Amino acid sequence: MKKKLKWIVIAVIAGVFVIQFFRPDRTNPQVNPAESIEADSTVPASVKTILRTSCYDCHSNETVWPWYSSIAPMSWLVADDVHTGRHMMNFSLWGTYPLSRKVAKVSGIYDQISKGSMPLGKYLLLHPDARLTPAQRDTLLNWTQEENDRLTGNDDN
């Protein structure tokens, strides 16, 4: 039994070693400031701070890759979350979106924040500073409503 356990441990260690050679893409595409959400939309400083702290790692080309994103299998999970997040919505490319997509994305931000679905719980486990306070949540929700009104021309205020 001890011999079998020894070989299982050796196989696991060898497997962990081998998977380190299969690295996902962890690059940040170049950012054109003229295409960012800050250049294209009205983003107050308070909202900009919240977005950068709680959203940009997955929803921009300015990801700060943490140390554990270099170690498989975590590297695969982190890279997949970032690539999925960028595909769903990318604040670095916001200015390239057509108006209809911007309206849909602002509405989606509102829905995700109001439900508490974003930031993802698994992200918050290692990034507790990204957790939204009730005040930050309200700030984002108010901004998305104002931005939706601006984008759709419903700016009656």
N, C-alpha and C. Protein backbone atom coordinates (compact mmCIF):
# COMPACT_ATOMS: atom_id res chain seq x y z
N MET A 1 0.82 -1.20 0.00
CA MET A 1 0.00 0.00 0.00
C MET A 1 0.86 1.26 0.00
N LYS A 2 1.94 1.25 0.79
CA LYS A 2 2.82 2.42 0.85
C LYS A 2 3.48 2.67 -0.50
N LYS A 3 3.84 1.60 -1.20
CA LYS A 3 4.49 1.73 -2.50
C LYS A 3 3.51 2.36 -3.51
N LYS A 4 2.27 1.93 -3.46
CA LYS A 4 1.25 2.48 -4.37
C LYS A 4 1.04 3.96 -4.08
N LEU A 5 0.95 4.34 -2.82
CA LEU A 5 0.78 5.74 -2.43
C LEU A 5 1.96 6.57 -2.89
N LYS A 6 3.16 6.01 -2.76
CA LYS A 6 4.37 6.71 -3.20
C LYS A 6 4.29 7.02 -4.69
N TRP A 7 3.87 6.05 -5.51
CA TRP A 7 3.77 6.27 -6.95
C TRP A 7 2.65 7.25 -7.31
N ILE A 8 1.61 7.26 -6.56
CA ILE A 8 0.53 8.23 -6.79
C ILE A 8 1.05 9.64 -6.51
N VAL A 9 1.77 9.81 -5.43
CA VAL A 9 2.34 11.12 -5.09
C VAL A 9 3.34 11.55 -6.17
N ILE A 10 4.16 10.67 -6.61
CA ILE A 10 5.13 10.99 -7.67
C ILE A 10 4.40 11.38 -8.95
N ALA A 11 3.36 10.66 -9.31
CA ALA A 11 2.59 10.96 -10.52
C ALA A 11 1.91 12.33 -10.41
N VAL A 12 1.37 12.64 -9.26
CA VAL A 12 0.73 13.95 -9.06
C VAL A 12 1.76 15.06 -9.18
N ILE A 13 2.89 14.91 -8.54
CA ILE A 13 3.95 15.93 -8.61
C ILE A 13 4.43 16.08 -10.05
N ALA A 14 4.63 14.98 -10.75
CA ALA A 14 5.05 15.05 -12.15
C ALA A 14 3.99 15.74 -13.00
N GLY A 15 2.73 15.43 -12.75
CA GLY A 15 1.63 16.06 -13.48
C GLY A 15 1.59 17.56 -13.26
N VAL A 16 1.74 17.99 -12.03
CA VAL A 16 1.77 19.43 -11.72
C VAL A 16 2.94 20.10 -12.42
N PHE A 17 4.07 19.43 -12.46
CA PHE A 17 5.24 19.97 -13.15
C PHE A 17 4.99 20.10 -14.65
N VAL A 18 4.46 19.07 -15.26
CA VAL A 18 4.24 19.05 -16.71
C VAL A 18 3.22 20.12 -17.13
N ILE A 19 2.16 20.29 -16.38
CA ILE A 19 1.13 21.26 -16.80
C ILE A 19 1.64 22.70 -16.79
N GLN A 20 2.74 22.95 -16.11
CA GLN A 20 3.30 24.31 -16.10
C GLN A 20 3.78 24.75 -17.48
N PHE A 21 4.03 23.78 -18.37
CA PHE A 21 4.51 24.09 -19.71
C PHE A 21 3.37 24.50 -20.66
N PHE A 22 2.13 24.34 -20.24
CA PHE A 22 0.98 24.69 -21.06
C PHE A 22 0.39 26.00 -20.53
N ARG A 23 0.90 27.09 -21.06
CA ARG A 23 0.56 28.42 -20.55
C ARG A 23 -0.48 29.10 -21.43
N PRO A 24 -1.50 29.67 -20.79
CA PRO A 24 -2.49 30.42 -21.56
C PRO A 24 -1.96 31.81 -21.91
N ASP A 25 -2.61 32.45 -22.85
CA ASP A 25 -2.27 33.82 -23.22
C ASP A 25 -2.63 34.76 -22.06
N ARG A 26 -1.64 35.49 -21.58
CA ARG A 26 -1.87 36.45 -20.49
C ARG A 26 -1.36 37.82 -20.91
N THR A 27 -1.65 38.20 -22.11
CA THR A 27 -1.18 39.50 -22.58
C THR A 27 -2.28 40.54 -22.47
N ASN A 28 -1.85 41.77 -22.43
CA ASN A 28 -2.78 42.89 -22.47
C ASN A 28 -2.61 43.59 -23.82
N PRO A 29 -3.65 43.54 -24.65
CA PRO A 29 -3.56 44.27 -25.92
C PRO A 29 -3.30 45.75 -25.66
N GLN A 30 -2.69 46.38 -26.62
CA GLN A 30 -2.40 47.81 -26.49
C GLN A 30 -3.70 48.59 -26.32
N VAL A 31 -3.65 49.60 -25.49
CA VAL A 31 -4.82 50.44 -25.22
C VAL A 31 -4.69 51.74 -26.00
N ASN A 32 -5.74 52.08 -26.73
CA ASN A 32 -5.83 53.37 -27.39
C ASN A 32 -6.76 54.21 -26.52
N PRO A 33 -6.23 55.20 -25.80
CA PRO A 33 -7.07 55.99 -24.90
C PRO A 33 -8.30 56.61 -25.57
N ALA A 34 -8.22 56.87 -26.87
CA ALA A 34 -9.34 57.46 -27.58
C ALA A 34 -10.51 56.49 -27.73
N GLU A 35 -10.27 55.19 -27.52
CA GLU A 35 -11.32 54.19 -27.64
C GLU A 35 -11.90 53.77 -26.29
N SER A 36 -11.36 54.29 -25.20
CA SER A 36 -11.77 53.87 -23.86
C SER A 36 -13.11 54.47 -23.45
N ILE A 37 -13.69 53.93 -22.42
CA ILE A 37 -14.96 54.44 -21.93
C ILE A 37 -14.80 55.87 -21.41
N GLU A 38 -13.64 56.19 -20.84
CA GLU A 38 -13.42 57.53 -20.32
C GLU A 38 -13.44 58.58 -21.43
N ALA A 39 -12.98 58.20 -22.61
CA ALA A 39 -12.93 59.14 -23.75
C ALA A 39 -14.29 59.25 -24.42
N ASP A 40 -15.10 58.21 -24.32
CA ASP A 40 -16.34 58.15 -25.08
C ASP A 40 -17.59 58.51 -24.27
N SER A 41 -17.53 58.35 -22.97
CA SER A 41 -18.71 58.53 -22.13
C SER A 41 -18.41 59.51 -21.00
N THR A 42 -19.48 59.90 -20.35
CA THR A 42 -19.34 60.75 -19.18
C THR A 42 -19.13 59.84 -17.98
N VAL A 43 -17.89 59.81 -17.49
CA VAL A 43 -17.56 58.93 -16.37
C VAL A 43 -17.00 59.79 -15.24
N PRO A 44 -17.80 60.04 -14.22
CA PRO A 44 -17.29 60.82 -13.08
C PRO A 44 -16.11 60.11 -12.42
N ALA A 45 -15.29 60.87 -11.75
CA ALA A 45 -14.10 60.31 -11.09
C ALA A 45 -14.46 59.18 -10.12
N SER A 46 -15.56 59.33 -9.39
CA SER A 46 -15.95 58.28 -8.44
C SER A 46 -16.28 56.98 -9.15
N VAL A 47 -16.92 57.06 -10.29
CA VAL A 47 -17.26 55.87 -11.07
C VAL A 47 -16.00 55.27 -11.68
N LYS A 48 -15.13 56.12 -12.20
CA LYS A 48 -13.88 55.66 -12.79
C LYS A 48 -13.07 54.86 -11.78
N THR A 49 -13.01 55.34 -10.55
CA THR A 49 -12.27 54.65 -9.49
C THR A 49 -12.87 53.28 -9.22
N ILE A 50 -14.19 53.22 -9.13
CA ILE A 50 -14.87 51.94 -8.87
C ILE A 50 -14.62 50.97 -10.02
N LEU A 51 -14.77 51.44 -11.24
CA LEU A 51 -14.56 50.57 -12.40
C LEU A 51 -13.14 50.02 -12.42
N ARG A 52 -12.17 50.88 -12.16
CA ARG A 52 -10.77 50.44 -12.19
C ARG A 52 -10.47 49.45 -11.06
N THR A 53 -11.07 49.64 -9.91
CA THR A 53 -10.82 48.76 -8.77
C THR A 53 -11.57 47.44 -8.88
N SER A 54 -12.80 47.47 -9.36
CA SER A 54 -13.66 46.30 -9.30
C SER A 54 -13.93 45.62 -10.64
N CYS A 55 -13.61 46.27 -11.75
CA CYS A 55 -14.03 45.73 -13.04
C CYS A 55 -12.91 45.56 -14.06
N TYR A 56 -11.91 46.42 -14.02
CA TYR A 56 -10.93 46.48 -15.11
C TYR A 56 -10.07 45.23 -15.27
N ASP A 57 -9.84 44.47 -14.21
CA ASP A 57 -8.99 43.28 -14.37
C ASP A 57 -9.58 42.29 -15.36
N CYS A 58 -10.90 42.22 -15.45
CA CYS A 58 -11.53 41.30 -16.39
C CYS A 58 -12.17 41.99 -17.59
N HIS A 59 -12.52 43.25 -17.44
CA HIS A 59 -13.28 43.95 -18.48
C HIS A 59 -12.50 45.10 -19.11
N SER A 60 -11.20 44.93 -19.29
CA SER A 60 -10.40 45.94 -19.98
C SER A 60 -9.13 45.27 -20.49
N ASN A 61 -8.37 46.02 -21.26
CA ASN A 61 -7.06 45.54 -21.71
C ASN A 61 -5.97 45.98 -20.74
N GLU A 62 -6.35 46.34 -19.54
CA GLU A 62 -5.40 46.80 -18.51
C GLU A 62 -5.39 45.84 -17.32
N THR A 63 -5.49 44.56 -17.60
CA THR A 63 -5.51 43.55 -16.55
C THR A 63 -4.20 43.57 -15.76
N VAL A 64 -4.33 43.54 -14.45
CA VAL A 64 -3.17 43.34 -13.58
C VAL A 64 -3.17 41.84 -13.27
N TRP A 65 -2.22 41.13 -13.89
CA TRP A 65 -2.17 39.68 -13.74
C TRP A 65 -1.52 39.34 -12.40
N PRO A 66 -2.25 38.72 -11.48
CA PRO A 66 -1.68 38.38 -10.17
C PRO A 66 -0.68 37.23 -10.28
N TRP A 67 0.12 37.06 -9.24
CA TRP A 67 1.16 36.05 -9.24
C TRP A 67 0.62 34.66 -9.54
N TYR A 68 -0.56 34.34 -9.01
CA TYR A 68 -1.09 32.99 -9.17
C TYR A 68 -1.59 32.73 -10.60
N SER A 69 -1.64 33.77 -11.42
CA SER A 69 -2.04 33.57 -12.82
C SER A 69 -0.88 33.01 -13.65
N SER A 70 0.25 32.77 -13.00
CA SER A 70 1.40 32.17 -13.66
C SER A 70 1.54 30.69 -13.35
N ILE A 71 0.68 30.17 -12.49
CA ILE A 71 0.80 28.79 -12.04
C ILE A 71 -0.44 27.99 -12.45
N ALA A 72 -0.21 26.97 -13.28
CA ALA A 72 -1.31 26.10 -13.69
C ALA A 72 -1.72 25.24 -12.50
N PRO A 73 -2.98 24.93 -12.37
CA PRO A 73 -4.09 25.20 -13.26
C PRO A 73 -4.77 26.56 -13.04
N MET A 74 -4.37 27.31 -12.03
CA MET A 74 -5.00 28.62 -11.79
C MET A 74 -4.82 29.54 -12.99
N SER A 75 -3.69 29.45 -13.67
CA SER A 75 -3.43 30.31 -14.82
C SER A 75 -4.50 30.11 -15.88
N TRP A 76 -4.96 28.89 -16.06
CA TRP A 76 -5.99 28.61 -17.06
C TRP A 76 -7.32 29.24 -16.66
N LEU A 77 -7.65 29.13 -15.38
CA LEU A 77 -8.92 29.68 -14.89
C LEU A 77 -8.94 31.20 -14.98
N VAL A 78 -7.85 31.82 -14.55
CA VAL A 78 -7.76 33.29 -14.58
C VAL A 78 -7.80 33.79 -16.02
N ALA A 79 -7.00 33.19 -16.88
CA ALA A 79 -6.97 33.63 -18.28
C ALA A 79 -8.34 33.45 -18.94
N ASP A 80 -9.01 32.36 -18.64
CA ASP A 80 -10.35 32.14 -19.21
C ASP A 80 -11.33 33.21 -18.72
N ASP A 81 -11.28 33.53 -17.44
CA ASP A 81 -12.17 34.57 -16.90
C ASP A 81 -11.89 35.93 -17.56
N VAL A 82 -10.62 36.26 -17.75
CA VAL A 82 -10.26 37.54 -18.37
C VAL A 82 -10.70 37.56 -19.83
N HIS A 83 -10.43 36.51 -20.57
CA HIS A 83 -10.81 36.48 -21.98
C HIS A 83 -12.33 36.53 -22.14
N THR A 84 -13.04 35.82 -21.27
CA THR A 84 -14.51 35.86 -21.31
C THR A 84 -15.02 37.25 -20.95
N GLY A 85 -14.45 37.83 -19.90
CA GLY A 85 -14.86 39.18 -19.49
C GLY A 85 -14.63 40.21 -20.57
N ARG A 86 -13.46 40.15 -21.21
CA ARG A 86 -13.15 41.09 -22.29
C ARG A 86 -14.10 40.89 -23.47
N HIS A 87 -14.44 39.64 -23.75
CA HIS A 87 -15.35 39.35 -24.86
C HIS A 87 -16.76 39.91 -24.57
N MET A 88 -17.19 39.76 -23.33
CA MET A 88 -18.53 40.23 -22.97
C MET A 88 -18.62 41.76 -22.99
N MET A 89 -17.58 42.41 -22.47
CA MET A 89 -17.55 43.88 -22.42
C MET A 89 -16.13 44.31 -22.10
N ASN A 90 -15.64 45.26 -22.89
CA ASN A 90 -14.27 45.71 -22.71
C ASN A 90 -14.27 47.24 -22.64
N PHE A 91 -14.00 47.77 -21.46
CA PHE A 91 -13.99 49.23 -21.27
C PHE A 91 -12.89 49.90 -22.10
N SER A 92 -11.85 49.16 -22.46
CA SER A 92 -10.78 49.72 -23.29
C SER A 92 -11.22 49.90 -24.74
N LEU A 93 -12.27 49.20 -25.15
CA LEU A 93 -12.76 49.28 -26.53
C LEU A 93 -14.15 49.91 -26.62
N TRP A 94 -14.62 50.48 -25.55
CA TRP A 94 -15.98 51.02 -25.45
C TRP A 94 -16.29 51.98 -26.61
N GLY A 95 -15.35 52.81 -26.97
CA GLY A 95 -15.57 53.79 -28.04
C GLY A 95 -15.75 53.17 -29.40
N THR A 96 -15.42 51.89 -29.56
CA THR A 96 -15.59 51.21 -30.84
C THR A 96 -16.96 50.55 -30.96
N TYR A 97 -17.69 50.49 -29.86
CA TYR A 97 -19.00 49.84 -29.87
C TYR A 97 -20.03 50.73 -30.55
N PRO A 98 -20.96 50.14 -31.31
CA PRO A 98 -22.07 50.93 -31.85
C PRO A 98 -23.00 51.35 -30.70
N LEU A 99 -23.76 52.37 -30.93
CA LEU A 99 -24.65 52.92 -29.90
C LEU A 99 -25.55 51.84 -29.29
N SER A 100 -26.12 50.99 -30.12
CA SER A 100 -27.02 49.95 -29.60
C SER A 100 -26.31 49.02 -28.62
N ARG A 101 -25.05 48.72 -28.90
CA ARG A 101 -24.29 47.84 -28.00
C ARG A 101 -23.97 48.56 -26.70
N LYS A 102 -23.64 49.84 -26.78
CA LYS A 102 -23.37 50.61 -25.56
C LYS A 102 -24.60 50.64 -24.66
N VAL A 103 -25.76 50.88 -25.26
CA VAL A 103 -27.01 50.91 -24.48
C VAL A 103 -27.23 49.55 -23.83
N ALA A 104 -27.05 48.47 -24.58
CA ALA A 104 -27.22 47.13 -24.03
C ALA A 104 -26.23 46.86 -22.91
N LYS A 105 -25.00 47.29 -23.08
CA LYS A 105 -23.97 47.04 -22.06
C LYS A 105 -24.24 47.85 -20.78
N VAL A 106 -24.66 49.09 -20.93
CA VAL A 106 -24.99 49.90 -19.75
C VAL A 106 -26.15 49.25 -19.00
N SER A 107 -27.13 48.77 -19.74
CA SER A 107 -28.25 48.07 -19.11
C SER A 107 -27.77 46.79 -18.42
N GLY A 108 -26.85 46.09 -19.07
CA GLY A 108 -26.30 44.88 -18.48
C GLY A 108 -25.51 45.16 -17.21
N ILE A 109 -24.76 46.25 -17.22
CA ILE A 109 -24.02 46.63 -16.00
C ILE A 109 -25.02 46.86 -14.87
N TYR A 110 -26.07 47.59 -15.17
CA TYR A 110 -27.10 47.86 -14.15
C TYR A 110 -27.66 46.54 -13.61
N ASP A 111 -28.04 45.64 -14.51
CA ASP A 111 -28.63 44.36 -14.09
C ASP A 111 -27.66 43.55 -13.23
N GLN A 112 -26.40 43.44 -13.68
CA GLN A 112 -25.42 42.64 -12.95
C GLN A 112 -25.12 43.22 -11.56
N ILE A 113 -24.98 44.53 -11.50
CA ILE A 113 -24.68 45.18 -10.22
C ILE A 113 -25.89 45.09 -9.28
N SER A 114 -27.08 45.33 -9.81
CA SER A 114 -28.27 45.31 -8.95
C SER A 114 -28.53 43.91 -8.39
N LYS A 115 -28.18 42.87 -9.15
CA LYS A 115 -28.35 41.49 -8.68
C LYS A 115 -27.21 41.05 -7.76
N GLY A 116 -26.12 41.81 -7.75
CA GLY A 116 -24.95 41.42 -6.97
C GLY A 116 -24.13 40.34 -7.67
N SER A 117 -24.32 40.20 -8.99
CA SER A 117 -23.61 39.17 -9.75
C SER A 117 -22.18 39.57 -10.11
N MET A 118 -21.89 40.84 -10.04
CA MET A 118 -20.56 41.34 -10.36
C MET A 118 -20.09 42.24 -9.24
N PRO A 119 -18.82 42.23 -8.96
CA PRO A 119 -17.79 41.31 -9.43
C PRO A 119 -18.09 39.88 -9.00
N LEU A 120 -17.53 38.95 -9.76
CA LEU A 120 -17.74 37.53 -9.47
C LEU A 120 -17.25 37.17 -8.07
N GLY A 121 -17.99 36.28 -7.42
CA GLY A 121 -17.61 35.84 -6.08
C GLY A 121 -16.24 35.22 -6.02
N LYS A 122 -15.88 34.43 -7.04
CA LYS A 122 -14.56 33.79 -7.02
C LYS A 122 -13.44 34.82 -7.16
N TYR A 123 -13.72 35.93 -7.85
CA TYR A 123 -12.73 37.01 -7.95
C TYR A 123 -12.56 37.69 -6.60
N LEU A 124 -13.68 37.90 -5.92
CA LEU A 124 -13.65 38.59 -4.62
C LEU A 124 -12.91 37.81 -3.55
N LEU A 125 -12.83 36.49 -3.70
CA LEU A 125 -12.11 35.68 -2.71
C LEU A 125 -10.66 36.13 -2.57
N LEU A 126 -10.03 36.47 -3.69
CA LEU A 126 -8.63 36.88 -3.66
C LEU A 126 -8.45 38.39 -3.87
N HIS A 127 -9.55 39.09 -4.10
CA HIS A 127 -9.51 40.54 -4.32
C HIS A 127 -10.62 41.21 -3.50
N PRO A 128 -10.53 41.14 -2.18
CA PRO A 128 -11.61 41.68 -1.36
C PRO A 128 -11.81 43.19 -1.54
N ASP A 129 -10.77 43.90 -1.98
CA ASP A 129 -10.90 45.34 -2.20
C ASP A 129 -11.82 45.66 -3.38
N ALA A 130 -12.12 44.67 -4.20
CA ALA A 130 -13.00 44.87 -5.35
C ALA A 130 -14.48 44.76 -4.96
N ARG A 131 -14.75 44.29 -3.75
CA ARG A 131 -16.14 44.15 -3.29
C ARG A 131 -16.78 45.54 -3.23
N LEU A 132 -17.98 45.65 -3.77
CA LEU A 132 -18.68 46.93 -3.80
C LEU A 132 -19.37 47.19 -2.47
N THR A 133 -19.15 48.37 -1.95
CA THR A 133 -19.90 48.79 -0.77
C THR A 133 -21.30 49.21 -1.24
N PRO A 134 -22.26 49.32 -0.34
CA PRO A 134 -23.58 49.81 -0.75
C PRO A 134 -23.51 51.17 -1.44
N ALA A 135 -22.65 52.05 -0.96
CA ALA A 135 -22.51 53.38 -1.59
C ALA A 135 -21.93 53.27 -3.00
N GLN A 136 -20.93 52.41 -3.18
CA GLN A 136 -20.36 52.22 -4.51
C GLN A 136 -21.38 51.60 -5.46
N ARG A 137 -22.13 50.66 -4.94
CA ARG A 137 -23.18 50.02 -5.74
C ARG A 137 -24.18 51.07 -6.21
N ASP A 138 -24.62 51.92 -5.30
CA ASP A 138 -25.57 52.98 -5.66
C ASP A 138 -24.97 53.96 -6.65
N THR A 139 -23.69 54.29 -6.47
CA THR A 139 -23.01 55.19 -7.40
C THR A 139 -23.02 54.60 -8.81
N LEU A 140 -22.67 53.32 -8.94
CA LEU A 140 -22.67 52.67 -10.24
C LEU A 140 -24.07 52.58 -10.84
N LEU A 141 -25.05 52.24 -10.02
CA LEU A 141 -26.42 52.13 -10.52
C LEU A 141 -26.93 53.49 -11.01
N ASN A 142 -26.67 54.53 -10.25
CA ASN A 142 -27.08 55.88 -10.67
C ASN A 142 -26.38 56.28 -11.96
N TRP A 143 -25.08 55.98 -12.06
CA TRP A 143 -24.34 56.33 -13.26
C TRP A 143 -24.88 55.59 -14.48
N THR A 144 -25.18 54.29 -14.32
CA THR A 144 -25.69 53.54 -15.48
C THR A 144 -27.03 54.09 -15.95
N GLN A 145 -27.87 54.54 -15.01
CA GLN A 145 -29.15 55.14 -15.40
C GLN A 145 -28.92 56.46 -16.14
N GLU A 146 -28.01 57.27 -15.62
CA GLU A 146 -27.69 58.54 -16.28
C GLU A 146 -27.07 58.31 -17.65
N GLU A 147 -26.18 57.35 -17.74
CA GLU A 147 -25.52 57.05 -19.01
C GLU A 147 -26.52 56.49 -20.01
N ASN A 148 -27.43 55.66 -19.55
CA ASN A 148 -28.47 55.14 -20.43
C ASN A 148 -29.34 56.29 -20.97
N ASP A 149 -29.70 57.20 -20.10
CA ASP A 149 -30.50 58.36 -20.52
C ASP A 149 -29.73 59.20 -21.55
N ARG A 150 -28.44 59.39 -21.31
CA ARG A 150 -27.63 60.17 -22.24
C ARG A 150 -27.53 59.49 -23.59
N LEU A 151 -27.30 58.19 -23.57
CA LEU A 151 -27.13 57.45 -24.81
C LEU A 151 -28.42 57.35 -25.62
N THR A 152 -29.55 57.25 -24.92
CA THR A 152 -30.83 57.07 -25.62
C THR A 152 -31.55 58.39 -25.87
N GLY A 153 -30.97 59.49 -25.39
CA GLY A 153 -31.59 60.80 -25.61
C GLY A 153 -32.75 61.08 -24.67
N ASN A 154 -32.83 60.34 -23.56
CA ASN A 154 -33.89 60.54 -22.58
C ASN A 154 -33.43 61.43 -21.44
N ASP A 155 -32.58 62.37 -21.75
CA ASP A 155 -32.00 63.24 -20.72
C ASP A 155 -32.96 64.39 -20.41
N ASP A 156 -33.99 64.09 -19.60
CA ASP A 156 -35.02 65.07 -19.29
C ASP A 156 -34.65 65.98 -18.11
N ASN A 157 -33.52 65.73 -17.48
CA ASN A 157 -33.17 66.49 -16.29
C ASN A 157 -32.66 67.85 -16.62
